[in-house]
Amino acid sequence: MGIEIERKFLVQSDAWRSEAAGTPYCQGYIAKTSGANVRVRIAAIAAF
């Protein structure tokens, strides 16, 4: 199983926001067992 690595970056200003496009999504966990869990992410096609 792969390991997820979360990275965070500090930005100087909010100037990048006008150039950025985002995709809203929902995420949740559907199973959790000893040593493993299953996360599901659903990208929005329409507004939630």
PDB file of N, CA and C in Angstrom:
ATOM      1  N   MET A   1       0.846  -1.178   0.000  1.00  0.00           N
ATOM      2  CA  MET A   1       0.000   0.000   0.000  1.00  0.00           C
ATOM      3  C   MET A   1       0.888   1.238   0.000  1.00  0.00           C
ATOM      4  N   GLY A   2       0.498   2.245  -0.761  1.00  0.00           N
ATOM      5  CA  GLY A   2       1.268   3.478  -0.824  1.00  0.00           C
ATOM      6  C   GLY A   2       1.087   4.331   0.420  1.00  0.00           C
ATOM      7  N   ILE A   3       2.011   5.214   0.616  1.00  0.00           N
ATOM      8  CA  ILE A   3       1.969   6.143   1.737  1.00  0.00           C
ATOM      9  C   ILE A   3       1.622   7.521   1.197  1.00  0.00           C
ATOM     10  N   GLU A   4       0.640   8.159   1.806  1.00  0.00           N
ATOM     11  CA  GLU A   4       0.247   9.494   1.379  1.00  0.00           C
ATOM     12  C   GLU A   4       1.122  10.519   2.092  1.00  0.00           C
ATOM     13  N   ILE A   5       1.649  11.456   1.329  1.00  0.00           N
ATOM     14  CA  ILE A   5       2.481  12.524   1.882  1.00  0.00           C
ATOM     15  C   ILE A   5       1.776  13.848   1.620  1.00  0.00           C
ATOM     16  N   GLU A   6       1.474  14.569   2.673  1.00  0.00           N
ATOM     17  CA  GLU A   6       0.826  15.875   2.533  1.00  0.00           C
ATOM     18  C   GLU A   6       1.892  16.958   2.590  1.00  0.00           C
ATOM     19  N   ARG A   7       1.845  17.858   1.621  1.00  0.00           N
ATOM     20  CA  ARG A   7       2.813  18.952   1.585  1.00  0.00           C
ATOM     21  C   ARG A   7       2.072  20.274   1.662  1.00  0.00           C
ATOM     22  N   LYS A   8       2.630  21.212   2.377  1.00  0.00           N
ATOM     23  CA  LYS A   8       2.039  22.544   2.522  1.00  0.00           C
ATOM     24  C   LYS A   8       3.072  23.583   2.123  1.00  0.00           C
ATOM     25  N   PHE A   9       2.596  24.651   1.506  1.00  0.00           N
ATOM     26  CA  PHE A   9       3.489  25.696   1.034  1.00  0.00           C
ATOM     27  C   PHE A   9       2.965  27.051   1.501  1.00  0.00           C
ATOM     28  N   LEU A  10       3.850  27.935   1.882  1.00  0.00           N
ATOM     29  CA  LEU A  10       3.499  29.289   2.273  1.00  0.00           C
ATOM     30  C   LEU A  10       3.624  30.192   1.048  1.00  0.00           C
ATOM     31  N   VAL A  11       2.573  30.938   0.735  1.00  0.00           N
ATOM     32  CA  VAL A  11       2.598  31.827  -0.419  1.00  0.00           C
ATOM     33  C   VAL A  11       2.667  33.279   0.056  1.00  0.00           C
ATOM     34  N   GLN A  12       3.169  34.144  -0.800  1.00  0.00           N
ATOM     35  CA  GLN A  12       3.390  35.544  -0.452  1.00  0.00           C
ATOM     36  C   GLN A  12       2.100  36.365  -0.404  1.00  0.00           C
ATOM     37  N   SER A  13       1.140  36.064  -1.329  1.00  0.00           N
ATOM     38  CA  SER A  13      -0.093  36.853  -1.398  1.00  0.00           C
ATOM     39  C   SER A  13      -1.207  35.993  -2.003  1.00  0.00           C
ATOM     40  N   ASP A  14      -2.392  36.598  -2.165  1.00  0.00           N
ATOM     41  CA  ASP A  14      -3.523  35.909  -2.779  1.00  0.00           C
ATOM     42  C   ASP A  14      -3.608  36.156  -4.284  1.00  0.00           C
ATOM     43  N   ALA A  15      -2.584  36.708  -4.896  1.00  0.00           N
ATOM     44  CA  ALA A  15      -2.610  37.037  -6.324  1.00  0.00           C
ATOM     45  C   ALA A  15      -2.842  35.808  -7.206  1.00  0.00           C
ATOM     46  N   TRP A  16      -2.443  34.641  -6.771  1.00  0.00           N
ATOM     47  CA  TRP A  16      -2.597  33.414  -7.550  1.00  0.00           C
ATOM     48  C   TRP A  16      -4.066  33.003  -7.708  1.00  0.00           C
ATOM     49  N   ARG A  17      -4.935  33.457  -6.827  1.00  0.00           N
ATOM     50  CA  ARG A  17      -6.329  33.008  -6.841  1.00  0.00           C
ATOM     51  C   ARG A  17      -7.062  33.326  -8.146  1.00  0.00           C
ATOM     52  N   SER A  18      -6.772  34.458  -8.755  1.00  0.00           N
ATOM     53  CA  SER A  18      -7.473  34.818  -9.997  1.00  0.00           C
ATOM     54  C   SER A  18      -7.091  33.893 -11.148  1.00  0.00           C
ATOM     55  N   GLU A  19      -5.954  33.234 -11.070  1.00  0.00           N
ATOM     56  CA  GLU A  19      -5.497  32.324 -12.122  1.00  0.00           C
ATOM     57  C   GLU A  19      -5.853  30.861 -11.850  1.00  0.00           C
ATOM     58  N   ALA A  20      -6.307  30.563 -10.649  1.00  0.00           N
ATOM     59  CA  ALA A  20      -6.524  29.175 -10.253  1.00  0.00           C
ATOM     60  C   ALA A  20      -7.934  28.698 -10.584  1.00  0.00           C
ATOM     61  N   ALA A  21      -8.004  27.447 -11.001  1.00  0.00           N
ATOM     62  CA  ALA A  21      -9.290  26.782 -11.198  1.00  0.00           C
ATOM     63  C   ALA A  21      -9.365  25.640 -10.190  1.00  0.00           C
ATOM     64  N   GLY A  22     -10.495  25.459  -9.585  1.00  0.00           N
ATOM     65  CA  GLY A  22     -10.631  24.416  -8.578  1.00  0.00           C
ATOM     66  C   GLY A  22     -11.722  23.437  -8.939  1.00  0.00           C
ATOM     67  N   THR A  23     -11.714  22.319  -8.264  1.00  0.00           N
ATOM     68  CA  THR A  23     -12.749  21.312  -8.415  1.00  0.00           C
ATOM     69  C   THR A  23     -13.253  20.939  -7.033  1.00  0.00           C
ATOM     70  N   PRO A  24     -14.504  21.255  -6.715  1.00  0.00           N
ATOM     71  CA  PRO A  24     -15.026  20.852  -5.417  1.00  0.00           C
ATOM     72  C   PRO A  24     -15.221  19.341  -5.369  1.00  0.00           C
ATOM     73  N   TYR A  25     -15.035  18.750  -4.215  1.00  0.00           N
ATOM     74  CA  TYR A  25     -15.245  17.316  -4.070  1.00  0.00           C
ATOM     75  C   TYR A  25     -15.667  16.997  -2.644  1.00  0.00           C
ATOM     76  N   CYS A  26     -16.264  15.836  -2.496  1.00  0.00           N
ATOM     77  CA  CYS A  26     -16.617  15.294  -1.186  1.00  0.00           C
ATOM     78  C   CYS A  26     -15.680  14.136  -0.908  1.00  0.00           C
ATOM     79  N   GLN A  27     -15.372  13.921   0.336  1.00  0.00           N
ATOM     80  CA  GLN A  27     -14.521  12.791   0.684  1.00  0.00           C
ATOM     81  C   GLN A  27     -15.024  12.185   1.975  1.00  0.00           C
ATOM     82  N   GLY A  28     -14.850  10.907   2.085  1.00  0.00           N
ATOM     83  CA  GLY A  28     -15.244  10.212   3.298  1.00  0.00           C
ATOM     84  C   GLY A  28     -14.573   8.855   3.370  1.00  0.00           C
ATOM     85  N   TYR A  29     -14.681   8.240   4.511  1.00  0.00           N
ATOM     86  CA  TYR A  29     -14.111   6.917   4.727  1.00  0.00           C
ATOM     87  C   TYR A  29     -15.244   5.908   4.746  1.00  0.00           C
ATOM     88  N   ILE A  30     -15.106   4.829   3.982  1.00  0.00           N
ATOM     89  CA  ILE A  30     -16.169   3.831   3.933  1.00  0.00           C
ATOM     90  C   ILE A  30     -15.805   2.554   4.684  1.00  0.00           C
ATOM     91  N   ALA A  31     -14.550   2.361   4.999  1.00  0.00           N
ATOM     92  CA  ALA A  31     -14.148   1.170   5.745  1.00  0.00           C
ATOM     93  C   ALA A  31     -12.882   1.469   6.523  1.00  0.00           C
ATOM     94  N   LYS A  32     -12.794   0.894   7.681  1.00  0.00           N
ATOM     95  CA  LYS A  32     -11.584   1.036   8.481  1.00  0.00           C
ATOM     96  C   LYS A  32     -11.379  -0.282   9.226  1.00  0.00           C
ATOM     97  N   THR A  33     -10.252  -0.890   8.978  1.00  0.00           N
ATOM     98  CA  THR A  33      -9.921  -2.144   9.645  1.00  0.00           C
ATOM     99  C   THR A  33      -8.546  -1.997  10.281  1.00  0.00           C
ATOM    100  N   SER A  34      -8.094  -3.002  10.906  1.00  0.00           N
ATOM    101  CA  SER A  34      -6.782  -2.972  11.540  1.00  0.00           C
ATOM    102  C   SER A  34      -5.687  -2.725  10.501  1.00  0.00           C
ATOM    103  N   GLY A  35      -5.064  -1.583  10.573  1.00  0.00           N
ATOM    104  CA  GLY A  35      -3.944  -1.279   9.685  1.00  0.00           C
ATOM    105  C   GLY A  35      -4.311  -0.742   8.321  1.00  0.00           C
ATOM    106  N   ALA A  36      -5.588  -0.596   8.009  1.00  0.00           N
ATOM    107  CA  ALA A  36      -5.963  -0.091   6.682  1.00  0.00           C
ATOM    108  C   ALA A  36      -7.275   0.676   6.774  1.00  0.00           C
ATOM    109  N   ASN A  37      -7.444   1.646   5.877  1.00  0.00           N
ATOM    110  CA  ASN A  37      -8.728   2.313   5.743  1.00  0.00           C
ATOM    111  C   ASN A  37      -8.943   2.649   4.278  1.00  0.00           C
ATOM    112  N   VAL A  38     -10.201   2.869   3.905  1.00  0.00           N
ATOM    113  CA  VAL A  38     -10.560   3.145   2.518  1.00  0.00           C
ATOM    114  C   VAL A  38     -11.196   4.527   2.465  1.00  0.00           C
ATOM    115  N   ARG A  39     -10.565   5.411   1.714  1.00  0.00           N
ATOM    116  CA  ARG A  39     -11.099   6.761   1.536  1.00  0.00           C
ATOM    117  C   ARG A  39     -11.629   6.891   0.124  1.00  0.00           C
ATOM    118  N   VAL A  40     -12.775   7.539  -0.004  1.00  0.00           N
ATOM    119  CA  VAL A  40     -13.398   7.753  -1.313  1.00  0.00           C
ATOM    120  C   VAL A  40     -13.523   9.252  -1.525  1.00  0.00           C
ATOM    121  N   ARG A  41     -13.145   9.694  -2.695  1.00  0.00           N
ATOM    122  CA  ARG A  41     -13.309  11.105  -3.077  1.00  0.00           C
ATOM    123  C   ARG A  41     -14.150  11.149  -4.344  1.00  0.00           C
ATOM    124  N   ILE A  42     -15.136  12.054  -4.336  1.00  0.00           N
ATOM    125  CA  ILE A  42     -16.007  12.223  -5.493  1.00  0.00           C
ATOM    126  C   ILE A  42     -15.892  13.666  -5.959  1.00  0.00           C
ATOM    127  N   ALA A  43     -15.400  13.850  -7.191  1.00  0.00           N
ATOM    128  CA  ALA A  43     -15.293  15.189  -7.762  1.00  0.00           C
ATOM    129  C   ALA A  43     -16.674  15.639  -8.213  1.00  0.00           C
ATOM    130  N   ALA A  44     -16.989  16.897  -7.976  1.00  0.00           N
ATOM    131  CA  ALA A  44     -18.310  17.429  -8.286  1.00  0.00           C
ATOM    132  C   ALA A  44     -18.481  17.647  -9.783  1.00  0.00           C
ATOM    133  N   ILE A  45     -19.559  17.143 -10.299  1.00  0.00           N
ATOM    134  CA  ILE A  45     -19.944  17.422 -11.676  1.00  0.00           C
ATOM    135  C   ILE A  45     -20.903  18.613 -11.662  1.00  0.00           C
ATOM    136  N   ALA A  46     -21.750  18.651 -10.658  1.00  0.00           N
ATOM    137  CA  ALA A  46     -22.659  19.771 -10.428  1.00  0.00           C
ATOM    138  C   ALA A  46     -22.474  20.221  -8.990  1.00  0.00           C
ATOM    139  N   ALA A  47     -23.076  21.317  -8.621  1.00  0.00           N
ATOM    140  CA  ALA A  47     -22.956  21.833  -7.267  1.00  0.00           C
ATOM    141  C   ALA A  47     -23.545  20.833  -6.280  1.00  0.00           C
ATOM    142  N   PHE A  48     -22.985  20.750  -5.095  1.00  0.00           N
ATOM    143  CA  PHE A  48     -23.460  19.832  -4.072  1.00  0.00           C
ATOM    144  C   PHE A  48     -24.750  20.318  -3.485  1.00  0.00           C
TER     145      PHE A  48
END
